[in-house]
Amino acid sequence: MDSFPPVTGDYPTDPRVPLLTLAEAQDAVRLLLHLADDSVEGQEARDLAADIGARLPSA
């Protein structure tokens, strides 16, 4: 069985930026709710907004 070669290279030392800030996530939820209507896509936007909103900490 062959083994993998050792990993070489430099890793970034800068602090990582979160994928989304809380404010950005809250804005995304607001935009999704703006798109919510009785269409299939609107209902999906409403469901997604509710799912994401439930995961966000209260500010």
PDB file of N, CA and C in Angstrom:
ATOM      1  N   MET A   1       0.847  -1.181   0.000  1.00  0.00           N
ATOM      2  CA  MET A   1       0.000   0.000   0.000  1.00  0.00           C
ATOM      3  C   MET A   1       0.888   1.238   0.000  1.00  0.00           C
ATOM      4  N   ASP A   2       0.653   2.121  -0.942  1.00  0.00           N
ATOM      5  CA  ASP A   2       1.432   3.354  -1.033  1.00  0.00           C
ATOM      6  C   ASP A   2       0.929   4.366  -0.021  1.00  0.00           C
ATOM      7  N   SER A   3       1.842   5.135   0.505  1.00  0.00           N
ATOM      8  CA  SER A   3       1.434   6.195   1.421  1.00  0.00           C
ATOM      9  C   SER A   3       1.502   7.530   0.688  1.00  0.00           C
ATOM     10  N   PHE A   4       0.795   8.468   1.210  1.00  0.00           N
ATOM     11  CA  PHE A   4       0.781   9.800   0.619  1.00  0.00           C
ATOM     12  C   PHE A   4       2.042  10.550   1.021  1.00  0.00           C
ATOM     13  N   PRO A   5       2.541  11.407   0.137  1.00  0.00           N
ATOM     14  CA  PRO A   5       3.724  12.197   0.505  1.00  0.00           C
ATOM     15  C   PRO A   5       3.360  13.194   1.608  1.00  0.00           C
ATOM     16  N   PRO A   6       4.332  13.641   2.385  1.00  0.00           N
ATOM     17  CA  PRO A   6       4.023  14.610   3.441  1.00  0.00           C
ATOM     18  C   PRO A   6       3.519  15.930   2.849  1.00  0.00           C
ATOM     19  N   VAL A   7       2.664  16.570   3.599  1.00  0.00           N
ATOM     20  CA  VAL A   7       2.121  17.862   3.173  1.00  0.00           C
ATOM     21  C   VAL A   7       3.192  18.921   3.372  1.00  0.00           C
ATOM     22  N   THR A   8       3.440  19.680   2.336  1.00  0.00           N
ATOM     23  CA  THR A   8       4.409  20.769   2.441  1.00  0.00           C
ATOM     24  C   THR A   8       3.746  22.051   1.972  1.00  0.00           C
ATOM     25  N   GLY A   9       4.236  23.152   2.437  1.00  0.00           N
ATOM     26  CA  GLY A   9       3.690  24.439   2.026  1.00  0.00           C
ATOM     27  C   GLY A   9       3.488  25.341   3.214  1.00  0.00           C
ATOM     28  N   ASP A  10       3.064  26.531   2.912  1.00  0.00           N
ATOM     29  CA  ASP A  10       2.804  27.528   3.944  1.00  0.00           C
ATOM     30  C   ASP A  10       1.308  27.633   4.194  1.00  0.00           C
ATOM     31  N   TYR A  11       0.964  27.817   5.422  1.00  0.00           N
ATOM     32  CA  TYR A  11      -0.420  28.032   5.784  1.00  0.00           C
ATOM     33  C   TYR A  11      -0.582  29.499   6.168  1.00  0.00           C
ATOM     34  N   PRO A  12      -1.731  30.084   5.831  1.00  0.00           N
ATOM     35  CA  PRO A  12      -1.931  31.507   6.151  1.00  0.00           C
ATOM     36  C   PRO A  12      -1.907  31.737   7.662  1.00  0.00           C
ATOM     37  N   THR A  13      -1.316  32.844   8.043  1.00  0.00           N
ATOM     38  CA  THR A  13      -1.272  33.191   9.459  1.00  0.00           C
ATOM     39  C   THR A  13      -2.314  34.256   9.813  1.00  0.00           C
ATOM     40  N   ASP A  14      -2.927  34.864   8.793  1.00  0.00           N
ATOM     41  CA  ASP A  14      -3.948  35.873   9.047  1.00  0.00           C
ATOM     42  C   ASP A  14      -5.162  35.215   9.693  1.00  0.00           C
ATOM     43  N   PRO A  15      -5.855  35.940  10.563  1.00  0.00           N
ATOM     44  CA  PRO A  15      -7.064  35.368  11.157  1.00  0.00           C
ATOM     45  C   PRO A  15      -8.111  35.123  10.072  1.00  0.00           C
ATOM     46  N   ARG A  16      -8.871  34.088  10.245  1.00  0.00           N
ATOM     47  CA  ARG A  16      -9.907  33.764   9.269  1.00  0.00           C
ATOM     48  C   ARG A  16     -11.115  34.664   9.467  1.00  0.00           C
ATOM     49  N   VAL A  17     -11.731  35.020   8.368  1.00  0.00           N
ATOM     50  CA  VAL A  17     -12.943  35.834   8.387  1.00  0.00           C
ATOM     51  C   VAL A  17     -14.133  34.873   8.378  1.00  0.00           C
ATOM     52  N   PRO A  18     -15.147  35.106   9.210  1.00  0.00           N
ATOM     53  CA  PRO A  18     -16.302  34.213   9.192  1.00  0.00           C
ATOM     54  C   PRO A  18     -16.991  34.260   7.834  1.00  0.00           C
ATOM     55  N   LEU A  19     -17.663  33.195   7.495  1.00  0.00           N
ATOM     56  CA  LEU A  19     -18.369  33.168   6.222  1.00  0.00           C
ATOM     57  C   LEU A  19     -19.382  34.303   6.140  1.00  0.00           C
ATOM     58  N   LEU A  20     -20.113  34.512   7.192  1.00  0.00           N
ATOM     59  CA  LEU A  20     -21.069  35.618   7.280  1.00  0.00           C
ATOM     60  C   LEU A  20     -20.998  36.218   8.673  1.00  0.00           C
ATOM     61  N   THR A  21     -21.135  37.514   8.730  1.00  0.00           N
ATOM     62  CA  THR A  21     -21.279  38.143  10.038  1.00  0.00           C
ATOM     63  C   THR A  21     -22.747  38.043  10.440  1.00  0.00           C
ATOM     64  N   LEU A  22     -23.036  38.296  11.681  1.00  0.00           N
ATOM     65  CA  LEU A  22     -24.423  38.269  12.141  1.00  0.00           C
ATOM     66  C   LEU A  22     -25.261  39.287  11.382  1.00  0.00           C
ATOM     67  N   ALA A  23     -24.727  40.478  11.194  1.00  0.00           N
ATOM     68  CA  ALA A  23     -25.474  41.519  10.470  1.00  0.00           C
ATOM     69  C   ALA A  23     -25.764  41.092   9.028  1.00  0.00           C
ATOM     70  N   GLU A  24     -24.789  40.452   8.391  1.00  0.00           N
ATOM     71  CA  GLU A  24     -24.997  39.985   7.014  1.00  0.00           C
ATOM     72  C   GLU A  24     -26.066  38.891   6.961  1.00  0.00           C
ATOM     73  N   ALA A  25     -26.043  37.996   7.932  1.00  0.00           N
ATOM     74  CA  ALA A  25     -27.040  36.931   7.977  1.00  0.00           C
ATOM     75  C   ALA A  25     -28.432  37.505   8.220  1.00  0.00           C
ATOM     76  N   GLN A  26     -28.528  38.501   9.100  1.00  0.00           N
ATOM     77  CA  GLN A  26     -29.821  39.139   9.354  1.00  0.00           C
ATOM     78  C   GLN A  26     -30.331  39.848   8.105  1.00  0.00           C
ATOM     79  N   ASP A  27     -29.432  40.491   7.361  1.00  0.00           N
ATOM     80  CA  ASP A  27     -29.825  41.136   6.100  1.00  0.00           C
ATOM     81  C   ASP A  27     -30.312  40.101   5.095  1.00  0.00           C
ATOM     82  N   ALA A  28     -29.645  38.953   5.034  1.00  0.00           N
ATOM     83  CA  ALA A  28     -30.065  37.890   4.118  1.00  0.00           C
ATOM     84  C   ALA A  28     -31.466  37.398   4.473  1.00  0.00           C
ATOM     85  N   VAL A  29     -31.760  37.256   5.752  1.00  0.00           N
ATOM     86  CA  VAL A  29     -33.091  36.831   6.179  1.00  0.00           C
ATOM     87  C   VAL A  29     -34.121  37.884   5.779  1.00  0.00           C
ATOM     88  N   ARG A  30     -33.795  39.153   5.983  1.00  0.00           N
ATOM     89  CA  ARG A  30     -34.729  40.221   5.590  1.00  0.00           C
ATOM     90  C   ARG A  30     -35.009  40.192   4.089  1.00  0.00           C
ATOM     91  N   LEU A  31     -33.967  39.990   3.295  1.00  0.00           N
ATOM     92  CA  LEU A  31     -34.150  39.932   1.844  1.00  0.00           C
ATOM     93  C   LEU A  31     -34.985  38.722   1.439  1.00  0.00           C
ATOM     94  N   LEU A  32     -34.745  37.583   2.084  1.00  0.00           N
ATOM     95  CA  LEU A  32     -35.554  36.405   1.786  1.00  0.00           C
ATOM     96  C   LEU A  32     -37.025  36.655   2.120  1.00  0.00           C
ATOM     97  N   LEU A  33     -37.279  37.310   3.230  1.00  0.00           N
ATOM     98  CA  LEU A  33     -38.664  37.614   3.599  1.00  0.00           C
ATOM     99  C   LEU A  33     -39.291  38.603   2.621  1.00  0.00           C
ATOM    100  N   HIS A  34     -38.482  39.489   2.061  1.00  0.00           N
ATOM    101  CA  HIS A  34     -38.972  40.430   1.057  1.00  0.00           C
ATOM    102  C   HIS A  34     -39.428  39.687  -0.201  1.00  0.00           C
ATOM    103  N   LEU A  35     -38.776  38.559  -0.496  1.00  0.00           N
ATOM    104  CA  LEU A  35     -39.112  37.769  -1.685  1.00  0.00           C
ATOM    105  C   LEU A  35     -40.263  36.796  -1.441  1.00  0.00           C
ATOM    106  N   ALA A  36     -40.663  36.641  -0.183  1.00  0.00           N
ATOM    107  CA  ALA A  36     -41.699  35.672   0.153  1.00  0.00           C
ATOM    108  C   ALA A  36     -43.057  36.114  -0.394  1.00  0.00           C
ATOM    109  N   ASP A  37     -43.711  35.191  -1.089  1.00  0.00           N
ATOM    110  CA  ASP A  37     -45.077  35.398  -1.558  1.00  0.00           C
ATOM    111  C   ASP A  37     -45.736  34.033  -1.682  1.00  0.00           C
ATOM    112  N   ASP A  38     -46.841  33.945  -2.420  1.00  0.00           N
ATOM    113  CA  ASP A  38     -47.568  32.681  -2.505  1.00  0.00           C
ATOM    114  C   ASP A  38     -47.037  31.737  -3.578  1.00  0.00           C
ATOM    115  N   SER A  39     -46.030  32.162  -4.339  1.00  0.00           N
ATOM    116  CA  SER A  39     -45.439  31.282  -5.342  1.00  0.00           C
ATOM    117  C   SER A  39     -44.614  30.194  -4.647  1.00  0.00           C
ATOM    118  N   VAL A  40     -44.250  29.162  -5.403  1.00  0.00           N
ATOM    119  CA  VAL A  40     -43.416  28.096  -4.839  1.00  0.00           C
ATOM    120  C   VAL A  40     -42.087  28.676  -4.364  1.00  0.00           C
ATOM    121  N   GLU A  41     -41.483  29.532  -5.179  1.00  0.00           N
ATOM    122  CA  GLU A  41     -40.204  30.140  -4.800  1.00  0.00           C
ATOM    123  C   GLU A  41     -40.369  31.036  -3.582  1.00  0.00           C
ATOM    124  N   GLY A  42     -41.465  31.765  -3.511  1.00  0.00           N
ATOM    125  CA  GLY A  42     -41.727  32.629  -2.365  1.00  0.00           C
ATOM    126  C   GLY A  42     -41.910  31.845  -1.082  1.00  0.00           C
ATOM    127  N   GLN A  43     -42.589  30.706  -1.180  1.00  0.00           N
ATOM    128  CA  GLN A  43     -42.767  29.851  -0.009  1.00  0.00           C
ATOM    129  C   GLN A  43     -41.433  29.264   0.434  1.00  0.00           C
ATOM    130  N   GLU A  44     -40.590  28.885  -0.544  1.00  0.00           N
ATOM    131  CA  GLU A  44     -39.265  28.370  -0.201  1.00  0.00           C
ATOM    132  C   GLU A  44     -38.407  29.454   0.445  1.00  0.00           C
ATOM    133  N   ALA A  45     -38.526  30.691  -0.053  1.00  0.00           N
ATOM    134  CA  ALA A  45     -37.786  31.808   0.545  1.00  0.00           C
ATOM    135  C   ALA A  45     -38.235  32.020   1.986  1.00  0.00           C
ATOM    136  N   ARG A  46     -39.539  31.947   2.230  1.00  0.00           N
ATOM    137  CA  ARG A  46     -40.076  32.117   3.587  1.00  0.00           C
ATOM    138  C   ARG A  46     -39.578  30.989   4.500  1.00  0.00           C
ATOM    139  N   ASP A  47     -39.594  29.760   3.997  1.00  0.00           N
ATOM    140  CA  ASP A  47     -39.130  28.623   4.804  1.00  0.00           C
ATOM    141  C   ASP A  47     -37.641  28.739   5.122  1.00  0.00           C
ATOM    142  N   LEU A  48     -36.859  29.138   4.125  1.00  0.00           N
ATOM    143  CA  LEU A  48     -35.420  29.292   4.338  1.00  0.00           C
ATOM    144  C   LEU A  48     -35.142  30.425   5.325  1.00  0.00           C
ATOM    145  N   ALA A  49     -35.868  31.522   5.196  1.00  0.00           N
ATOM    146  CA  ALA A  49     -35.694  32.642   6.123  1.00  0.00           C
ATOM    147  C   ALA A  49     -36.012  32.204   7.554  1.00  0.00           C
ATOM    148  N   ALA A  50     -37.068  31.412   7.709  1.00  0.00           N
ATOM    149  CA  ALA A  50     -37.434  30.940   9.047  1.00  0.00           C
ATOM    150  C   ALA A  50     -36.359  29.999   9.602  1.00  0.00           C
ATOM    151  N   ASP A  51     -35.833  29.132   8.747  1.00  0.00           N
ATOM    152  CA  ASP A  51     -34.804  28.188   9.189  1.00  0.00           C
ATOM    153  C   ASP A  51     -33.530  28.921   9.596  1.00  0.00           C
ATOM    154  N   ILE A  52     -33.086  29.847   8.754  1.00  0.00           N
ATOM    155  CA  ILE A  52     -31.858  30.607   9.065  1.00  0.00           C
ATOM    156  C   ILE A  52     -32.094  31.503  10.274  1.00  0.00           C
ATOM    157  N   GLY A  53     -33.225  32.168  10.303  1.00  0.00           N
ATOM    158  CA  GLY A  53     -33.518  33.068  11.413  1.00  0.00           C
ATOM    159  C   GLY A  53     -33.535  32.354  12.757  1.00  0.00           C
ATOM    160  N   ALA A  54     -34.000  31.108  12.777  1.00  0.00           N
ATOM    161  CA  ALA A  54     -34.034  30.350  14.027  1.00  0.00           C
ATOM    162  C   ALA A  54     -32.638  29.982  14.506  1.00  0.00           C
ATOM    163  N   ARG A  55     -31.682  29.956  13.609  1.00  0.00           N
ATOM    164  CA  ARG A  55     -30.304  29.607  13.977  1.00  0.00           C
ATOM    165  C   ARG A  55     -29.488  30.811  14.443  1.00  0.00           C
ATOM    166  N   LEU A  56     -29.975  32.020  14.182  1.00  0.00           N
ATOM    167  CA  LEU A  56     -29.221  33.214  14.543  1.00  0.00           C
ATOM    168  C   LEU A  56     -29.438  33.569  16.002  1.00  0.00           C
ATOM    169  N   PRO A  57     -28.394  34.017  16.652  1.00  0.00           N
ATOM    170  CA  PRO A  57     -28.570  34.483  18.036  1.00  0.00           C
ATOM    171  C   PRO A  57     -29.389  35.772  18.035  1.00  0.00           C
ATOM    172  N   SER A  58     -30.157  35.963  19.066  1.00  0.00           N
ATOM    173  CA  SER A  58     -30.920  37.209  19.165  1.00  0.00           C
ATOM    174  C   SER A  58     -29.968  38.335  19.510  1.00  0.00           C
ATOM    175  N   ALA A  59     -30.131  39.434  18.821  1.00  0.00           N
ATOM    176  CA  ALA A  59     -29.205  40.566  19.006  1.00  0.00           C
ATOM    177  C   ALA A  59     -29.682  41.499  20.077  1.00  0.00           C
TER     178      ALA A  59
END
